[in-house]
Protein backbone atom coordinates (compact mmCIF):
# COMPACT_ATOMS: atom_id res chain seq x y z
CA UNK A 1 -0.03 0.07 -0.06
CA UNK A 2 1.43 3.52 -0.90
CA UNK A 3 1.21 5.82 1.97
CA UNK A 4 1.80 9.36 0.48
CA UNK A 5 0.83 12.79 1.86
CA UNK A 6 1.18 16.03 -0.13
CA UNK A 7 1.49 18.86 2.24
CA UNK A 8 1.48 22.06 0.28
CA UNK A 9 -0.49 25.25 1.09
CA UNK A 10 -0.40 26.47 -2.48
CA UNK A 11 -3.33 24.79 -4.21
CA UNK A 12 -2.08 25.20 -7.72
CA UNK A 13 1.25 23.73 -6.87
CA UNK A 14 -0.45 20.94 -4.96
CA UNK A 15 -2.45 20.13 -8.12
CA UNK A 16 0.52 20.11 -10.29
CA UNK A 17 2.55 17.77 -8.10
CA UNK A 18 -0.52 15.48 -7.45
CA UNK A 19 -1.23 15.20 -11.29
CA UNK A 20 2.35 14.35 -11.97
CA UNK A 21 2.56 11.70 -9.38
CA UNK A 22 -0.87 10.19 -10.27
CA UNK A 23 0.11 10.22 -13.94
CA UNK A 24 3.07 8.09 -12.98
CA UNK A 25 1.07 5.59 -10.80
CA UNK A 26 1.77 7.10 -7.37
CA UNK A 27 -1.43 7.68 -5.65
CA UNK A 28 -1.56 10.75 -3.24
CA UNK A 29 -3.56 9.37 -0.34
CA UNK A 30 -3.90 12.59 1.55
CA UNK A 31 -3.54 16.28 0.75
CA UNK A 32 -3.22 18.95 3.35
CA UNK A 33 -2.06 22.48 3.76
CA UNK A 34 -0.39 22.43 7.22
CA UNK A 35 2.21 20.57 9.15
CA UNK A 36 -0.46 19.54 11.60
CA UNK A 37 -2.54 18.02 8.75
CA UNK A 38 0.43 16.08 7.65
CA UNK A 39 1.08 14.68 11.11
CA UNK A 40 -2.61 13.76 11.41
CA UNK A 41 -2.46 12.00 7.97
CA UNK A 42 0.73 10.07 8.80
CA UNK A 43 -0.69 8.95 12.12
CA UNK A 44 -3.83 7.61 10.40
CA UNK A 45 -1.74 5.59 8.13
CA UNK A 46 0.80 4.58 10.57
CA UNK A 47 3.74 5.98 8.63
CA UNK A 48 4.45 7.04 5.14
CA UNK A 49 6.07 9.68 2.89
CA UNK A 50 5.35 13.38 3.04
CA UNK A 51 6.07 15.61 0.01
CA UNK A 52 6.09 19.22 1.03
CA UNK A 53 7.62 22.62 0.75
CA UNK A 54 10.15 24.09 3.15
CA UNK A 55 7.55 25.61 5.48
CA UNK A 56 3.85 25.62 6.34
CA UNK A 57 1.60 28.21 7.97
CA UNK A 58 2.15 26.43 11.25
CA UNK A 59 5.68 25.07 11.29
CA UNK A 60 8.80 24.57 9.32
CA UNK A 61 9.86 21.33 7.41
CA UNK A 62 12.57 20.84 10.20
CA UNK A 63 9.87 21.08 12.79
CA UNK A 64 7.69 18.50 10.97
CA UNK A 65 10.58 16.17 10.53
CA UNK A 66 11.35 16.28 14.24
CA UNK A 67 7.63 15.76 15.15
CA UNK A 68 7.28 12.76 12.84
CA UNK A 69 10.60 11.19 13.85
CA UNK A 70 11.10 7.82 12.14
CA UNK A 71 7.45 7.30 11.31
CA UNK A 72 7.74 9.09 7.90
CA UNK A 73 10.16 10.33 5.34
CA UNK A 74 10.07 13.90 4.13
CA UNK A 75 10.77 15.10 0.69
CA UNK A 76 11.18 18.96 0.50
CA UNK A 77 10.57 20.45 -2.98
CA UNK A 78 11.50 23.94 -2.95
CA UNK A 79 13.87 26.64 -4.45
CA UNK A 80 17.46 26.04 -3.72
CA UNK A 81 17.96 29.02 -1.36
CA UNK A 82 14.91 27.81 0.62
CA UNK A 83 16.10 24.05 0.75
CA UNK A 84 19.24 25.45 2.39
CA UNK A 85 17.04 26.49 5.41
CA UNK A 86 16.29 22.78 6.15
CA UNK A 87 18.92 21.61 8.57
CA UNK A 88 17.53 18.22 9.67
CA UNK A 89 19.67 15.67 7.92
CA UNK A 90 16.68 13.24 7.75
CA UNK A 91 14.91 15.40 5.15
CA UNK A 92 15.37 14.59 1.43
CA UNK A 93 15.69 17.57 -0.78
CA UNK A 94 14.61 18.23 -4.39
CA UNK A 95 15.32 21.66 -5.79
CA UNK A 96 12.88 23.33 -8.23
CA UNK A 97 12.56 23.44 -11.08
CA UNK A 98 12.32 19.69 -10.95
CA UNK A 99 12.00 17.28 -13.77
CA UNK A 100 9.18 14.69 -13.67
CA UNK A 101 11.56 11.84 -13.76
CA UNK A 102 13.48 13.23 -10.71
CA UNK A 103 10.33 13.81 -8.72
CA UNK A 104 8.87 10.39 -9.51
CA UNK A 105 12.21 8.56 -8.89
CA UNK A 106 12.62 10.40 -5.61
CA UNK A 107 9.10 9.58 -4.47
CA UNK A 108 9.38 5.91 -5.55
CA UNK A 109 12.71 5.71 -3.55
CA UNK A 110 11.02 6.99 -0.44
CA UNK A 111 8.00 4.71 -0.95
CA UNK A 112 10.37 1.63 -1.02
CA UNK A 113 12.08 2.94 2.23
CA UNK A 114 8.63 3.27 3.83
CA UNK A 115 7.85 -0.25 2.81
CA UNK A 116 11.06 -1.57 4.28
CA UNK A 117 10.35 0.35 7.53
CA UNK A 118 6.85 -1.10 7.73
CA UNK A 119 8.09 -4.55 7.12
CA UNK A 120 10.55 -4.17 9.96
CA UNK A 121 7.75 -3.19 12.24
CA UNK A 122 5.93 -6.41 11.41
CA UNK A 123 8.99 -8.49 12.03
CA UNK A 124 9.11 -7.32 15.71
CA UNK A 125 6.11 -9.27 16.76
CA UNK A 126 6.51 -12.30 18.94
CA UNK A 127 5.58 -15.75 17.75
CA UNK A 128 2.72 -15.67 20.23
CA UNK A 129 1.32 -12.45 18.93
CA UNK A 130 1.59 -13.65 15.27
CA UNK A 131 -0.41 -16.85 16.40
CA UNK A 132 -3.11 -14.62 17.96
CA UNK A 133 -3.32 -12.46 14.90
CA UNK A 134 -3.60 -15.57 12.72
CA UNK A 135 -6.24 -17.15 14.89
CA UNK A 136 -8.26 -13.96 14.89
CA UNK A 137 -8.05 -13.86 10.99
CA UNK A 138 -9.07 -17.39 10.85
CA UNK A 139 -12.19 -16.75 12.93
CA UNK A 140 -13.10 -13.72 10.88
CA UNK A 141 -12.70 -15.72 7.77
CA UNK A 142 -14.88 -18.55 9.00
CA UNK A 143 -17.62 -16.48 10.55
CA UNK A 144 -17.90 -13.59 8.14
CA UNK A 145 -16.64 -15.46 4.75
CA UNK A 146 -13.70 -12.98 4.48
CA UNK A 147 -10.59 -13.53 2.49
CA UNK A 148 -7.34 -13.52 4.54
CA UNK A 149 -6.48 -10.06 3.33
CA UNK A 150 -10.02 -8.63 4.21
CA UNK A 151 -9.74 -10.33 7.59
CA UNK A 152 -6.35 -8.68 8.33
CA UNK A 153 -7.63 -5.19 7.13
CA UNK A 154 -10.68 -5.64 9.41
CA UNK A 155 -8.38 -6.28 12.27
CA UNK A 156 -6.18 -3.28 11.30
CA UNK A 157 -9.16 -0.85 10.91
CA UNK A 158 -10.73 -1.94 14.22
CA UNK A 159 -7.26 -1.62 15.89
CA UNK A 160 -6.86 1.94 14.51
CA UNK A 161 -10.48 2.89 15.49
CA UNK A 162 -10.06 1.94 19.03
CA UNK A 163 -6.41 3.04 19.33
CA UNK A 164 -5.37 -0.55 20.49
CA UNK A 165 -2.54 -2.67 19.49
CA UNK A 166 -3.32 -5.19 16.85
CA UNK A 167 -2.62 -8.15 19.26
CA UNK A 168 -5.19 -6.56 21.76
CA UNK A 169 -7.77 -6.39 19.04
CA UNK A 170 -6.99 -9.93 17.90
CA UNK A 171 -7.51 -11.11 21.61
CA UNK A 172 -10.99 -9.32 21.60
CA UNK A 173 -11.95 -10.98 18.41
CA UNK A 174 -11.05 -14.38 19.62
CA UNK A 175 -12.83 -13.81 22.85
CA UNK A 176 -16.05 -12.74 21.05
CA UNK A 177 -16.10 -15.78 18.82
CA UNK A 178 -15.02 -18.52 21.31
């Protein structure tokens, strides 16, 4: 799943970037105009990639990078003199004017990094937790006729709605059906 956020306060520029990405098979999942909006979007998705300018009405790209920490990658697209204002070494920079291939390549690279980061979080589950999640998926598949993917997405969605860990949600599903 591609988890991209376009955080640009200039609507015309946001349309241009969004159109360019979508023409190159990169879906923009959320669009927002503020740093706070980008943070909310990343939290909803549990991570991702933020494409943005050097500052927002409510914060700078450096502040956004600090607040997001390792949950997201930031790509700042701005004039060279404004990019220099970004001091956080974790920020990826792309000076304008930018060629379509450079933008698409940079975003694709960050998406791949996001996928690897997400895969690492899945690997940190204990065997017991993995068994709980698997049992809950099986019950959802049996009781509701869901595919394995749909059962997992149901667990994820319920977990996010209740702000509970996936394993806690799995325990609740198991308890409800057994």
